Amino acid sequence: MRRSAVLLIMYIEGDEPYLLFTRRTDDMPLHSGQISFPGGSHRDHDGTLLQTALREAAEEVGIAPEHLMIGPRLDDEPTHSSGYVITPFVAIHEGRPQPRPDVREVAEVFAVPLAALAHPRTLRVEERVEPTVRRFVLHYDYGAYDIWGATARIIQRFLARYGKKWEQLFPHHWLHPEEPPRTEVVTCFLLRRGPRPQVLLVRRSGRVGTYQGRWAGVSGYAEGQPAQQCYRELEEEVGLGRGQVRLLCRGMPLPVDDAAAGRRWLVHPFLFAVARDTAPRLDWEHTEARWVDLADIAAYETVPGLAAALAAVAKPALGIAPGRRRRAGAGPCAAEESVP
C-alpha cells in the first residue's frame, strides 16, 4: 500500500467551526473531480507523514505551515480503488484561511460548517453491488457538493470522536478569554538530523529579564503574529535565517503558570529541522548552546513548561515523547523518529 497524508484544516468564524475542502480538477489522474482534504502522496524527502500533509497543503492551496497549529493525528484510512493508506491530521488555522489554489490540481476550495456535517440529514448511505463484493458508500451532501469515499469515512470518524467535543481542538483562550490576558511568547526548538533526534537548548544569560541561567529554546515575546515572530527570534538569537531552517510543526498554544514568580505565560511552540553541521551564533541573551537528546531534557534545569512545549511539537511531528527513549519499531510512528 502507498502512503498519503491529509490535513483537516479547521477555523472558527462567528463562534462556529468550519472544515476546509478542495475539489480536484477533472483532469487529475486519480480521483478527478472528487472532493478531498488538502494533502497527497508521501515522498521520500518529506521525512514524515505530517511533512507530506503540510507540503501538499502549501502546494495545493497556498497555506503556509507556520499558519497551521497541529492537533491530533487520526486513524489511518485505506482507499478502495487507488491502493493508498491515508493518514489524517487535524490543523487549526487562526482566522479564515485565504487559500491560493494551484489551478492545475484544485478546481475549488470551500468550507463547510461542522454543524452541517454533523446533521443527520447530511449523511446518506449508498449500496453498491459489484461483481465480487457488496459495499456501502458514505456520502455527505452539502448544497451542490457530494463528499464521498475515503474523505467521507474520515469525516465520519472525526465526527464520532470530536463532533460534540470540537472545542477541545481549539486554543482555550480563543473560546474563553482570560482576564488579565496571559503574556504570549514563542519558543522555537531546533532539531538536528542524525540517528537520534537532538534539540538545541540555550542557556539564558544574566542580562535577560527572567529565568537567568536556565536552559530554554529560542524564545521571545510574541510582539506580533507568532508565525512571523518565530523567524525573527531565530535570526536575532542564533543567527539562522529562513533558508537555514525548515518548519516541521507548529504546536497548539500552551498555558504555563509560574506561581513562584507570579507569571502566567502562553507559549507558542515551533519545531524546525536544521542541517547536522548547523552552528548557532549566540547573541547577548544566551551564554551557551548545547545539542541534547530528547530523552535527556529532564536532566536540565529549564524554564517552566519547556518539556511540555517540546512535547506539543515533537509528538505530532516525530511520534516521540521527550524524556522517554523509544525502542526501534515501537508504535505507529517509530519509522518517523529521525528527519532526513
C-alpha atoms as a PDB file:
ATOM      1  CA  MET A   1       0.000   0.000   0.000  1.00  0.00           C
ATOM      2  CA  ARG A   2       1.208   3.501  -0.791  1.00  0.00           C
ATOM      3  CA  ARG A   3       1.100   6.217   1.870  1.00  0.00           C
ATOM      4  CA  SER A   4      -0.513   9.627   1.749  1.00  0.00           C
ATOM      5  CA  ALA A   5      -1.488  12.274   4.300  1.00  0.00           C
ATOM      6  CA  VAL A   6      -4.127  14.986   4.513  1.00  0.00           C
ATOM      7  CA  LEU A   7      -4.952  17.940   6.747  1.00  0.00           C
ATOM      8  CA  LEU A   8      -8.359  18.585   8.276  1.00  0.00           C
ATOM      9  CA  ILE A   9      -7.917  22.362   8.367  1.00  0.00           C
ATOM     10  CA  MET A  10     -10.324  23.959  10.831  1.00  0.00           C
ATOM     11  CA  TYR A  11     -11.087  27.548  11.747  1.00  0.00           C
ATOM     12  CA  ILE A  12     -13.697  29.482  13.708  1.00  0.00           C
ATOM     13  CA  GLU A  13     -15.901  32.191  12.291  1.00  0.00           C
ATOM     14  CA  GLY A  14     -18.767  33.691  14.263  1.00  0.00           C
ATOM     15  CA  ASP A  15     -18.274  31.127  17.063  1.00  0.00           C
ATOM     16  CA  GLU A  16     -18.809  28.291  14.581  1.00  0.00           C
ATOM     17  CA  PRO A  17     -16.138  25.797  13.475  1.00  0.00           C
ATOM     18  CA  TYR A  18     -15.550  25.107   9.782  1.00  0.00           C
ATOM     19  CA  LEU A  19     -13.672  22.450   7.819  1.00  0.00           C
ATOM     20  CA  LEU A  20     -11.802  23.233   4.605  1.00  0.00           C
ATOM     21  CA  PHE A  21     -12.199  21.080   1.476  1.00  0.00           C
ATOM     22  CA  THR A  22     -10.873  21.047  -2.078  1.00  0.00           C
ATOM     23  CA  ARG A  23     -12.479  19.900  -5.298  1.00  0.00           C
ATOM     24  CA  ARG A  24      -9.962  18.261  -7.595  1.00  0.00           C
ATOM     25  CA  THR A  25      -9.767  19.235 -11.249  1.00  0.00           C
ATOM     26  CA  ASP A  26     -11.417  16.982 -13.793  1.00  0.00           C
ATOM     27  CA  ASP A  27      -8.144  16.040 -15.498  1.00  0.00           C
ATOM     28  CA  MET A  28      -6.342  14.645 -12.442  1.00  0.00           C
ATOM     29  CA  PRO A  29      -5.092  11.053 -12.977  1.00  0.00           C
ATOM     30  CA  LEU A  30      -6.648   9.831  -9.693  1.00  0.00           C
ATOM     31  CA  HIS A  31      -9.964  10.813  -8.070  1.00  0.00           C
ATOM     32  CA  SER A  32     -10.613  13.504 -10.682  1.00  0.00           C
ATOM     33  CA  GLY A  33     -13.419  15.919  -9.822  1.00  0.00           C
ATOM     34  CA  GLN A  34     -13.803  14.478  -6.320  1.00  0.00           C
ATOM     35  CA  ILE A  35     -13.860  16.411  -3.057  1.00  0.00           C
ATOM     36  CA  SER A  36     -10.998  15.834  -0.652  1.00  0.00           C
ATOM     37  CA  PHE A  37      -8.958  17.355   2.126  1.00  0.00           C
ATOM     38  CA  PRO A  38      -5.701  19.151   1.248  1.00  0.00           C
ATOM     39  CA  GLY A  39      -2.981  16.523   1.026  1.00  0.00           C
ATOM     40  CA  GLY A  40      -1.336  13.994  -1.208  1.00  0.00           C
ATOM     41  CA  SER A  41       1.213  11.242  -1.718  1.00  0.00           C
ATOM     42  CA  HIS A  42       4.193  10.755   0.570  1.00  0.00           C
ATOM     43  CA  ARG A  43       7.614  11.410  -0.946  1.00  0.00           C
ATOM     44  CA  ASP A  44      10.920  10.201   0.434  1.00  0.00           C
ATOM     45  CA  HIS A  45      12.260  13.709   1.011  1.00  0.00           C
ATOM     46  CA  ASP A  46       9.247  14.580   3.201  1.00  0.00           C
ATOM     47  CA  GLY A  47      10.616  12.529   6.078  1.00  0.00           C
ATOM     48  CA  THR A  48       7.336  12.218   7.980  1.00  0.00           C
ATOM     49  CA  LEU A  49       3.698  11.938   7.011  1.00  0.00           C
ATOM     50  CA  LEU A  50       2.973  15.235   8.743  1.00  0.00           C
ATOM     51  CA  GLN A  51       5.529  16.881   6.459  1.00  0.00           C
ATOM     52  CA  THR A  52       3.740  15.318   3.496  1.00  0.00           C
ATOM     53  CA  ALA A  53       0.433  16.852   4.573  1.00  0.00           C
ATOM     54  CA  LEU A  54       1.977  20.278   5.241  1.00  0.00           C
ATOM     55  CA  ARG A  55       3.875  20.307   1.949  1.00  0.00           C
ATOM     56  CA  GLU A  56       0.832  19.302  -0.047  1.00  0.00           C
ATOM     57  CA  ALA A  57      -1.350  21.919   1.674  1.00  0.00           C
ATOM     58  CA  ALA A  58       1.201  24.602   0.803  1.00  0.00           C
ATOM     59  CA  GLU A  59       1.417  23.410  -2.809  1.00  0.00           C
ATOM     60  CA  GLU A  60      -2.283  22.774  -3.406  1.00  0.00           C
ATOM     61  CA  VAL A  61      -3.979  25.626  -1.570  1.00  0.00           C
ATOM     62  CA  GLY A  62      -1.125  28.002  -0.671  1.00  0.00           C
ATOM     63  CA  ILE A  63      -1.456  27.763   3.113  1.00  0.00           C
ATOM     64  CA  ALA A  64       1.991  28.025   4.727  1.00  0.00           C
ATOM     65  CA  PRO A  65       2.801  25.573   7.566  1.00  0.00           C
ATOM     66  CA  GLU A  66       3.629  28.345  10.055  1.00  0.00           C
ATOM     67  CA  HIS A  67      -0.059  29.369   9.991  1.00  0.00           C
ATOM     68  CA  LEU A  68      -1.289  25.900  10.969  1.00  0.00           C
ATOM     69  CA  MET A  69      -1.296  24.667  14.563  1.00  0.00           C
ATOM     70  CA  ILE A  70      -1.129  20.884  14.511  1.00  0.00           C
ATOM     71  CA  GLY A  71      -3.612  18.948  16.596  1.00  0.00           C
ATOM     72  CA  PRO A  72      -4.228  15.203  16.844  1.00  0.00           C
ATOM     73  CA  ARG A  73      -3.379  12.552  14.296  1.00  0.00           C
ATOM     74  CA  LEU A  74      -6.428  10.482  13.341  1.00  0.00           C
ATOM     75  CA  ASP A  75      -6.671   6.808  12.435  1.00  0.00           C
ATOM     76  CA  ASP A  76      -5.378   5.749   9.033  1.00  0.00           C
ATOM     77  CA  GLU A  77      -7.970   5.285   6.297  1.00  0.00           C
ATOM     78  CA  PRO A  78      -7.358   2.978   3.290  1.00  0.00           C
ATOM     79  CA  THR A  79      -8.806   3.771  -0.116  1.00  0.00           C
ATOM     80  CA  HIS A  80     -10.735   1.105  -2.011  1.00  0.00           C
ATOM     81  CA  SER A  81      -9.716   1.966  -5.566  1.00  0.00           C
ATOM     82  CA  SER A  82      -6.270   3.575  -5.704  1.00  0.00           C
ATOM     83  CA  GLY A  83      -4.339   1.464  -3.173  1.00  0.00           C
ATOM     84  CA  TYR A  84      -3.419   4.266  -0.746  1.00  0.00           C
ATOM     85  CA  VAL A  85      -3.486   4.461   3.035  1.00  0.00           C
ATOM     86  CA  ILE A  86      -4.382   7.996   4.124  1.00  0.00           C
ATOM     87  CA  THR A  87      -3.124   9.459   7.408  1.00  0.00           C
ATOM     88  CA  PRO A  88      -5.229  12.454   8.520  1.00  0.00           C
ATOM     89  CA  PHE A  89      -4.008  15.249  10.818  1.00  0.00           C
ATOM     90  CA  VAL A  90      -6.131  17.984  12.386  1.00  0.00           C
ATOM     91  CA  ALA A  91      -4.746  21.504  11.881  1.00  0.00           C
ATOM     92  CA  ILE A  92      -6.116  24.764  13.291  1.00  0.00           C
ATOM     93  CA  HIS A  93      -5.889  27.992  11.302  1.00  0.00           C
ATOM     94  CA  GLU A  94      -6.140  31.344  13.074  1.00  0.00           C
ATOM     95  CA  GLY A  95      -8.990  33.142  11.322  1.00  0.00           C
ATOM     96  CA  ARG A  96     -10.473  32.365   7.921  1.00  0.00           C
ATOM     97  CA  PRO A  97      -7.793  30.990   5.574  1.00  0.00           C
ATOM     98  CA  GLN A  98      -7.016  32.862   2.367  1.00  0.00           C
ATOM     99  CA  PRO A  99      -6.245  29.961   0.032  1.00  0.00           C
ATOM    100  CA  ARG A 100      -4.349  30.349  -3.224  1.00  0.00           C
ATOM    101  CA  PRO A 101      -5.201  27.127  -5.055  1.00  0.00           C
ATOM    102  CA  ASP A 102      -2.962  25.569  -7.660  1.00  0.00           C
ATOM    103  CA  VAL A 103      -5.315  25.576 -10.666  1.00  0.00           C
ATOM    104  CA  ARG A 104      -3.569  22.521 -12.135  1.00  0.00           C
ATOM    105  CA  GLU A 105      -4.788  20.363  -9.243  1.00  0.00           C
ATOM    106  CA  VAL A 106      -7.546  22.248  -7.442  1.00  0.00           C
ATOM    107  CA  ALA A 107     -10.707  23.485  -9.126  1.00  0.00           C
ATOM    108  CA  GLU A 108     -12.214  24.958  -5.951  1.00  0.00           C
ATOM    109  CA  VAL A 109     -11.598  25.486  -2.242  1.00  0.00           C
ATOM    110  CA  PHE A 110     -14.606  25.750   0.047  1.00  0.00           C
ATOM    111  CA  ALA A 111     -15.539  25.450   3.723  1.00  0.00           C
ATOM    112  CA  VAL A 112     -18.373  23.562   5.408  1.00  0.00           C
ATOM    113  CA  PRO A 113     -19.697  24.278   8.917  1.00  0.00           C
ATOM    114  CA  LEU A 114     -19.071  21.373  11.260  1.00  0.00           C
ATOM    115  CA  ALA A 115     -22.702  21.575  12.367  1.00  0.00           C
ATOM    116  CA  ALA A 116     -23.871  20.932   8.803  1.00  0.00           C
ATOM    117  CA  LEU A 117     -21.728  17.796   8.524  1.00  0.00           C
ATOM    118  CA  ALA A 118     -22.984  16.565  11.892  1.00  0.00           C
ATOM    119  CA  HIS A 119     -26.660  16.972  10.926  1.00  0.00           C
ATOM    120  CA  PRO A 120     -28.251  13.531  10.380  1.00  0.00           C
ATOM    121  CA  ARG A 121     -29.847  14.550   7.086  1.00  0.00           C
ATOM    122  CA  THR A 122     -26.464  15.404   5.579  1.00  0.00           C
ATOM    123  CA  LEU A 123     -25.295  11.786   5.633  1.00  0.00           C
ATOM    124  CA  ARG A 124     -26.654   9.154   3.268  1.00  0.00           C
ATOM    125  CA  VAL A 125     -25.511   5.619   2.524  1.00  0.00           C
ATOM    126  CA  GLU A 126     -25.418   4.174  -0.987  1.00  0.00           C
ATOM    127  CA  GLU A 127     -25.351   0.424  -1.570  1.00  0.00           C
ATOM    128  CA  ARG A 128     -23.102  -0.747  -4.387  1.00  0.00           C
ATOM    129  CA  VAL A 129     -23.138  -4.290  -5.676  1.00  0.00           C
ATOM    130  CA  GLU A 130     -20.003  -5.164  -7.630  1.00  0.00           C
ATOM    131  CA  PRO A 131     -19.016  -8.487  -9.237  1.00  0.00           C
ATOM    132  CA  THR A 132     -17.106  -9.742  -6.197  1.00  0.00           C
ATOM    133  CA  VAL A 133     -18.243  -7.526  -3.322  1.00  0.00           C
ATOM    134  CA  ARG A 134     -21.171  -5.627  -1.875  1.00  0.00           C
ATOM    135  CA  ARG A 135     -20.226  -2.251  -0.398  1.00  0.00           C
ATOM    136  CA  PHE A 136     -21.940   0.602   1.402  1.00  0.00           C
ATOM    137  CA  VAL A 137     -20.610   4.010   0.393  1.00  0.00           C
ATOM    138  CA  LEU A 138     -20.960   7.048   2.639  1.00  0.00           C
ATOM    139  CA  HIS A 139     -21.969  10.421   1.178  1.00  0.00           C
ATOM    140  CA  TYR A 140     -22.168  13.823   2.873  1.00  0.00           C
ATOM    141  CA  ASP A 141     -24.405  16.136   0.848  1.00  0.00           C
ATOM    142  CA  TYR A 142     -23.826  19.860   1.396  1.00  0.00           C
ATOM    143  CA  GLY A 143     -25.538  22.065  -1.145  1.00  0.00           C
ATOM    144  CA  ALA A 144     -24.211  21.098  -4.558  1.00  0.00           C
ATOM    145  CA  TYR A 145     -21.275  19.203  -3.030  1.00  0.00           C
ATOM    146  CA  ASP A 146     -21.223  15.417  -2.778  1.00  0.00           C
ATOM    147  CA  ILE A 147     -18.446  14.375  -0.374  1.00  0.00           C
ATOM    148  CA  TRP A 148     -17.916  10.616  -0.530  1.00  0.00           C
ATOM    149  CA  GLY A 149     -15.354   7.827  -0.462  1.00  0.00           C
ATOM    150  CA  ALA A 150     -12.367   7.925   1.860  1.00  0.00           C
ATOM    151  CA  THR A 151     -12.991  11.610   2.624  1.00  0.00           C
ATOM    152  CA  ALA A 152     -16.495  10.795   3.876  1.00  0.00           C
ATOM    153  CA  ARG A 153     -15.160   7.949   6.016  1.00  0.00           C
ATOM    154  CA  ILE A 154     -12.569  10.265   7.571  1.00  0.00           C
ATOM    155  CA  ILE A 155     -15.339  12.787   8.315  1.00  0.00           C
ATOM    156  CA  GLN A 156     -17.451  10.112   9.971  1.00  0.00           C
ATOM    157  CA  ARG A 157     -14.584   9.005  12.219  1.00  0.00           C
ATOM    158  CA  PHE A 158     -13.706  12.591  13.024  1.00  0.00           C
ATOM    159  CA  LEU A 159     -17.293  13.436  13.982  1.00  0.00           C
ATOM    160  CA  ALA A 160     -17.567  10.332  16.140  1.00  0.00           C
ATOM    161  CA  ARG A 161     -14.501  11.444  18.079  1.00  0.00           C
ATOM    162  CA  TYR A 162     -14.777  15.227  18.106  1.00  0.00           C
ATOM    163  CA  GLY A 163     -18.194  16.209  16.760  1.00  0.00           C
ATOM    164  CA  LYS A 164     -19.568  17.046  20.211  1.00  0.00           C
ATOM    165  CA  LYS A 165     -16.160  17.926  21.660  1.00  0.00           C
ATOM    166  CA  TRP A 166     -14.780  20.184  18.926  1.00  0.00           C
ATOM    167  CA  GLU A 167     -13.876  22.897  21.451  1.00  0.00           C
ATOM    168  CA  GLN A 168     -11.074  20.628  22.684  1.00  0.00           C
ATOM    169  CA  LEU A 169      -9.326  21.112  19.342  1.00  0.00           C
ATOM    170  CA  PHE A 170      -9.066  24.895  19.544  1.00  0.00           C
ATOM    171  CA  PRO A 171      -6.853  27.026  21.796  1.00  0.00           C
ATOM    172  CA  HIS A 172      -8.706  27.542  25.054  1.00  0.00           C
ATOM    173  CA  HIS A 173      -8.092  31.293  25.144  1.00  0.00           C
ATOM    174  CA  TRP A 174      -9.834  31.746  21.787  1.00  0.00           C
ATOM    175  CA  LEU A 175     -13.096  30.441  23.186  1.00  0.00           C
ATOM    176  CA  HIS A 176     -12.686  31.527  26.817  1.00  0.00           C
ATOM    177  CA  PRO A 177     -10.675  34.773  27.062  1.00  0.00           C
ATOM    178  CA  GLU A 178      -8.945  35.254  30.399  1.00  0.00           C
ATOM    179  CA  GLU A 179      -8.581  38.421  32.427  1.00  0.00           C
ATOM    180  CA  PRO A 180      -5.919  39.575  32.714  1.00  0.00           C
ATOM    181  CA  PRO A 181      -4.613  38.033  29.482  1.00  0.00           C
ATOM    182  CA  ARG A 182      -1.502  35.873  29.600  1.00  0.00           C
ATOM    183  CA  THR A 183       1.881  37.071  28.360  1.00  0.00           C
ATOM    184  CA  GLU A 184       2.405  35.435  24.966  1.00  0.00           C
ATOM    185  CA  VAL A 185       5.805  34.115  23.917  1.00  0.00           C
ATOM    186  CA  VAL A 186       7.163  31.990  21.080  1.00  0.00           C
ATOM    187  CA  THR A 187       9.544  29.112  21.721  1.00  0.00           C
ATOM    188  CA  CYS A 188      11.472  27.645  18.793  1.00  0.00           C
ATOM    189  CA  PHE A 189      13.092  24.220  19.033  1.00  0.00           C
ATOM    190  CA  LEU A 190      15.812  23.338  16.529  1.00  0.00           C
ATOM    191  CA  LEU A 191      16.076  19.663  15.628  1.00  0.00           C
ATOM    192  CA  ARG A 192      19.424  18.343  14.427  1.00  0.00           C
ATOM    193  CA  ARG A 193      19.373  15.482  11.959  1.00  0.00           C
ATOM    194  CA  GLY A 194      21.064  12.214  12.758  1.00  0.00           C
ATOM    195  CA  PRO A 195      20.492   8.681  14.067  1.00  0.00           C
ATOM    196  CA  ARG A 196      18.895  10.137  17.208  1.00  0.00           C
ATOM    197  CA  PRO A 197      16.938  13.394  17.192  1.00  0.00           C
ATOM    198  CA  GLN A 198      18.635  16.163  19.165  1.00  0.00           C
ATOM    199  CA  VAL A 199      17.290  19.605  20.004  1.00  0.00           C
ATOM    200  CA  LEU A 200      19.203  22.763  20.764  1.00  0.00           C
ATOM    201  CA  LEU A 201      18.997  24.142  24.289  1.00  0.00           C
ATOM    202  CA  VAL A 202      20.357  27.614  25.034  1.00  0.00           C
ATOM    203  CA  ARG A 203      21.309  28.902  28.483  1.00  0.00           C
ATOM    204  CA  ARG A 204      19.848  32.268  29.347  1.00  0.00           C
ATOM    205  CA  SER A 205      22.306  34.965  30.364  1.00  0.00           C
ATOM    206  CA  GLY A 206      22.201  37.226  33.391  1.00  0.00           C
ATOM    207  CA  ARG A 207      21.165  40.138  31.165  1.00  0.00           C
ATOM    208  CA  VAL A 208      17.694  38.840  30.343  1.00  0.00           C
ATOM    209  CA  GLY A 209      14.688  39.759  32.438  1.00  0.00           C
ATOM    210  CA  THR A 210      13.536  36.286  33.501  1.00  0.00           C
ATOM    211  CA  TYR A 211      14.938  32.845  34.296  1.00  0.00           C
ATOM    212  CA  GLN A 212      18.615  33.776  34.193  1.00  0.00           C
ATOM    213  CA  GLY A 213      20.887  30.731  33.973  1.00  0.00           C
ATOM    214  CA  ARG A 214      18.154  28.317  32.956  1.00  0.00           C
ATOM    215  CA  TRP A 215      18.017  26.318  29.742  1.00  0.00           C
ATOM    216  CA  ALA A 216      15.387  27.129  27.123  1.00  0.00           C
ATOM    217  CA  GLY A 217      14.543  27.018  23.457  1.00  0.00           C
ATOM    218  CA  VAL A 218      14.993  30.082  21.275  1.00  0.00           C
ATOM    219  CA  SER A 219      12.320  32.288  22.805  1.00  0.00           C
ATOM    220  CA  GLY A 220      10.919  35.776  22.805  1.00  0.00           C
ATOM    221  CA  TYR A 221       7.815  37.818  23.429  1.00  0.00           C
ATOM    222  CA  ALA A 222       5.149  37.494  20.736  1.00  0.00           C
ATOM    223  CA  GLU A 223       5.169  41.151  19.780  1.00  0.00           C
ATOM    224  CA  GLY A 224       3.285  40.433  16.554  1.00  0.00           C
ATOM    225  CA  GLN A 225       1.981  37.322  14.853  1.00  0.00           C
ATOM    226  CA  PRO A 226       3.717  34.200  16.248  1.00  0.00           C
ATOM    227  CA  ALA A 227       4.087  32.913  12.667  1.00  0.00           C
ATOM    228  CA  GLN A 228       6.435  35.836  11.914  1.00  0.00           C
ATOM    229  CA  GLN A 229       7.931  36.327  15.382  1.00  0.00           C
ATOM    230  CA  CYS A 230       9.445  32.834  15.418  1.00  0.00           C
ATOM    231  CA  TYR A 231      11.658  33.640  12.430  1.00  0.00           C
ATOM    232  CA  ARG A 232      12.745  36.966  13.930  1.00  0.00           C
ATOM    233  CA  GLU A 233      13.831  35.229  17.121  1.00  0.00           C
ATOM    234  CA  LEU A 234      15.861  32.649  15.214  1.00  0.00           C
ATOM    235  CA  GLU A 235      17.626  35.393  13.244  1.00  0.00           C
ATOM    236  CA  GLU A 236      18.369  37.530  16.303  1.00  0.00           C
ATOM    237  CA  GLU A 237      19.274  34.906  18.899  1.00  0.00           C
ATOM    238  CA  VAL A 238      21.086  32.173  16.944  1.00  0.00           C
ATOM    239  CA  GLY A 239      21.790  33.821  13.578  1.00  0.00           C
ATOM    240  CA  LEU A 240      19.687  31.497  11.420  1.00  0.00           C
ATOM    241  CA  GLY A 241      17.638  32.791   8.503  1.00  0.00           C
ATOM    242  CA  ARG A 242      14.600  31.235   6.855  1.00  0.00           C
ATOM    243  CA  GLY A 243      16.739  29.429   4.302  1.00  0.00           C
ATOM    244  CA  GLN A 244      18.609  27.567   7.042  1.00  0.00           C
ATOM    245  CA  VAL A 245      15.607  26.099   8.858  1.00  0.00           C
ATOM    246  CA  ARG A 246      12.612  24.007   7.829  1.00  0.00           C
ATOM    247  CA  LEU A 247       9.424  24.154   9.872  1.00  0.00           C
ATOM    248  CA  LEU A 248       8.308  20.693  10.945  1.00  0.00           C
ATOM    249  CA  CYS A 249       5.445  21.584  13.238  1.00  0.00           C
ATOM    250  CA  ARG A 250       3.688  24.475  14.913  1.00  0.00           C
ATOM    251  CA  GLY A 251       2.006  23.243  18.085  1.00  0.00           C
ATOM    252  CA  MET A 252      -1.080  24.376  19.919  1.00  0.00           C
ATOM    253  CA  PRO A 253      -0.559  27.304  22.347  1.00  0.00           C
ATOM    254  CA  LEU A 254       0.311  26.057  25.807  1.00  0.00           C
ATOM    255  CA  PRO A 255      -0.697  27.886  29.030  1.00  0.00           C
ATOM    256  CA  VAL A 256       2.114  27.807  31.608  1.00  0.00           C
ATOM    257  CA  ASP A 257       1.697  29.074  35.172  1.00  0.00           C
ATOM    258  CA  ASP A 258       4.724  30.006  37.281  1.00  0.00           C
ATOM    259  CA  ALA A 259       3.209  30.581  40.715  1.00  0.00           C
ATOM    260  CA  ALA A 260       6.586  31.250  42.358  1.00  0.00           C
ATOM    261  CA  ALA A 261       7.307  34.145  40.002  1.00  0.00           C
ATOM    262  CA  GLY A 262       3.698  35.253  39.692  1.00  0.00           C
ATOM    263  CA  ARG A 263       3.810  34.883  35.901  1.00  0.00           C
ATOM    264  CA  ARG A 264       1.210  33.448  33.535  1.00  0.00           C
ATOM    265  CA  TRP A 265       2.522  32.599  30.087  1.00  0.00           C
ATOM    266  CA  LEU A 266       1.004  31.454  26.825  1.00  0.00           C
ATOM    267  CA  VAL A 267       3.694  29.603  24.875  1.00  0.00           C
ATOM    268  CA  HIS A 268       3.515  29.193  21.086  1.00  0.00           C
ATOM    269  CA  PRO A 269       5.855  26.250  20.268  1.00  0.00           C
ATOM    270  CA  PHE A 270       7.577  25.656  16.912  1.00  0.00           C
ATOM    271  CA  LEU A 271       9.849  22.815  15.779  1.00  0.00           C
ATOM    272  CA  PHE A 272      12.387  23.394  12.991  1.00  0.00           C
ATOM    273  CA  ALA A 273      14.801  20.985  11.299  1.00  0.00           C
ATOM    274  CA  VAL A 274      18.357  22.159  10.634  1.00  0.00           C
ATOM    275  CA  ALA A 275      21.385  20.599   8.960  1.00  0.00           C
ATOM    276  CA  ARG A 276      23.634  18.382  11.035  1.00  0.00           C
ATOM    277  CA  ASP A 277      26.551  20.841  10.892  1.00  0.00           C
ATOM    278  CA  THR A 278      24.499  23.879  11.951  1.00  0.00           C
ATOM    279  CA  ALA A 279      26.425  26.058  14.417  1.00  0.00           C
ATOM    280  CA  PRO A 280      24.318  28.696  16.208  1.00  0.00           C
ATOM    281  CA  ARG A 281      25.731  32.206  16.658  1.00  0.00           C
ATOM    282  CA  LEU A 282      24.513  33.297  20.070  1.00  0.00           C
ATOM    283  CA  ASP A 283      23.631  36.881  20.897  1.00  0.00           C
ATOM    284  CA  TRP A 284      23.780  38.542  24.337  1.00  0.00           C
ATOM    285  CA  GLU A 285      20.679  36.733  25.592  1.00  0.00           C
ATOM    286  CA  HIS A 286      22.491  33.399  25.978  1.00  0.00           C
ATOM    287  CA  THR A 287      25.831  32.182  27.310  1.00  0.00           C
ATOM    288  CA  GLU A 288      25.885  28.602  26.000  1.00  0.00           C
ATOM    289  CA  ALA A 289      24.240  26.304  23.473  1.00  0.00           C
ATOM    290  CA  ARG A 290      24.030  22.534  23.674  1.00  0.00           C
ATOM    291  CA  TRP A 291      22.563  19.788  21.470  1.00  0.00           C
ATOM    292  CA  VAL A 292      20.578  17.411  23.683  1.00  0.00           C
ATOM    293  CA  ASP A 293      18.853  14.066  23.068  1.00  0.00           C
ATOM    294  CA  LEU A 294      15.119  14.398  23.519  1.00  0.00           C
ATOM    295  CA  ALA A 295      15.234  11.691  26.172  1.00  0.00           C
ATOM    296  CA  ASP A 296      17.672  13.779  28.273  1.00  0.00           C
ATOM    297  CA  ILE A 297      15.706  17.033  28.527  1.00  0.00           C
ATOM    298  CA  ALA A 298      14.589  16.217  32.079  1.00  0.00           C
ATOM    299  CA  ALA A 299      18.217  16.333  33.276  1.00  0.00           C
ATOM    300  CA  TYR A 300      18.417  20.097  32.655  1.00  0.00           C
ATOM    301  CA  GLU A 301      17.129  22.964  34.763  1.00  0.00           C
ATOM    302  CA  THR A 302      14.836  24.580  32.238  1.00  0.00           C
ATOM    303  CA  VAL A 303      12.368  27.419  32.099  1.00  0.00           C
ATOM    304  CA  PRO A 304       8.865  26.408  33.236  1.00  0.00           C
ATOM    305  CA  GLY A 305       6.876  24.351  30.785  1.00  0.00           C
ATOM    306  CA  LEU A 306       9.744  23.657  28.374  1.00  0.00           C
ATOM    307  CA  ALA A 307       9.261  19.872  28.260  1.00  0.00           C
ATOM    308  CA  ALA A 308       5.521  20.267  27.684  1.00  0.00           C
ATOM    309  CA  ALA A 309       6.123  22.799  24.900  1.00  0.00           C
ATOM    310  CA  LEU A 310       8.603  20.435  23.237  1.00  0.00           C
ATOM    311  CA  ALA A 311       6.157  17.533  23.525  1.00  0.00           C
ATOM    312  CA  ALA A 312       3.481  19.660  21.844  1.00  0.00           C
ATOM    313  CA  VAL A 313       5.557  19.701  18.632  1.00  0.00           C
ATOM    314  CA  ALA A 314       7.735  16.569  18.888  1.00  0.00           C
ATOM    315  CA  LYS A 315       4.843  14.150  19.368  1.00  0.00           C
ATOM    316  CA  PRO A 316       2.801  15.130  16.289  1.00  0.00           C
ATOM    317  CA  ALA A 317       5.887  15.716  14.123  1.00  0.00           C
ATOM    318  CA  LEU A 318       8.028  12.743  15.134  1.00  0.00           C
ATOM    319  CA  GLY A 319       5.910  10.444  17.266  1.00  0.00           C
ATOM    320  CA  ILE A 320       8.318  10.967  20.175  1.00  0.00           C
ATOM    321  CA  ALA A 321       7.535  11.930  23.751  1.00  0.00           C
ATOM    322  CA  PRO A 322      10.513  13.951  25.107  1.00  0.00           C
ATOM    323  CA  GLY A 323      12.004  12.437  28.231  1.00  0.00           C
ATOM    324  CA  ARG A 324      11.457   8.828  27.109  1.00  0.00           C
ATOM    325  CA  ARG A 325      13.555   6.659  24.837  1.00  0.00           C
ATOM    326  CA  ARG A 326      11.749   4.709  22.148  1.00  0.00           C
ATOM    327  CA  ARG A 327      12.512   1.156  21.073  1.00  0.00           C
ATOM    328  CA  ALA A 328      13.098   0.700  17.364  1.00  0.00           C
ATOM    329  CA  GLY A 329       9.860  -0.338  15.721  1.00  0.00           C
ATOM    330  CA  ALA A 330       7.707   0.622  18.721  1.00  0.00           C
ATOM    331  CA  GLY A 331       4.452   2.310  17.820  1.00  0.00           C
ATOM    332  CA  PRO A 332       2.985   3.564  14.561  1.00  0.00           C
ATOM    333  CA  CYS A 333       5.436   6.453  14.182  1.00  0.00           C
ATOM    334  CA  ALA A 334       8.651   4.631  15.011  1.00  0.00           C
ATOM    335  CA  ALA A 335       9.840   4.829  11.428  1.00  0.00           C
ATOM    336  CA  GLU A 336       9.425   8.589  11.514  1.00  0.00           C
ATOM    337  CA  GLU A 337      11.621   9.337  14.521  1.00  0.00           C
ATOM    338  CA  SER A 338      14.521  10.832  12.583  1.00  0.00           C
ATOM    339  CA  VAL A 339      14.026  13.522   9.985  1.00  0.00           C
ATOM    340  CA  PRO A 340      16.146  13.027   6.888  1.00  0.00           C
END
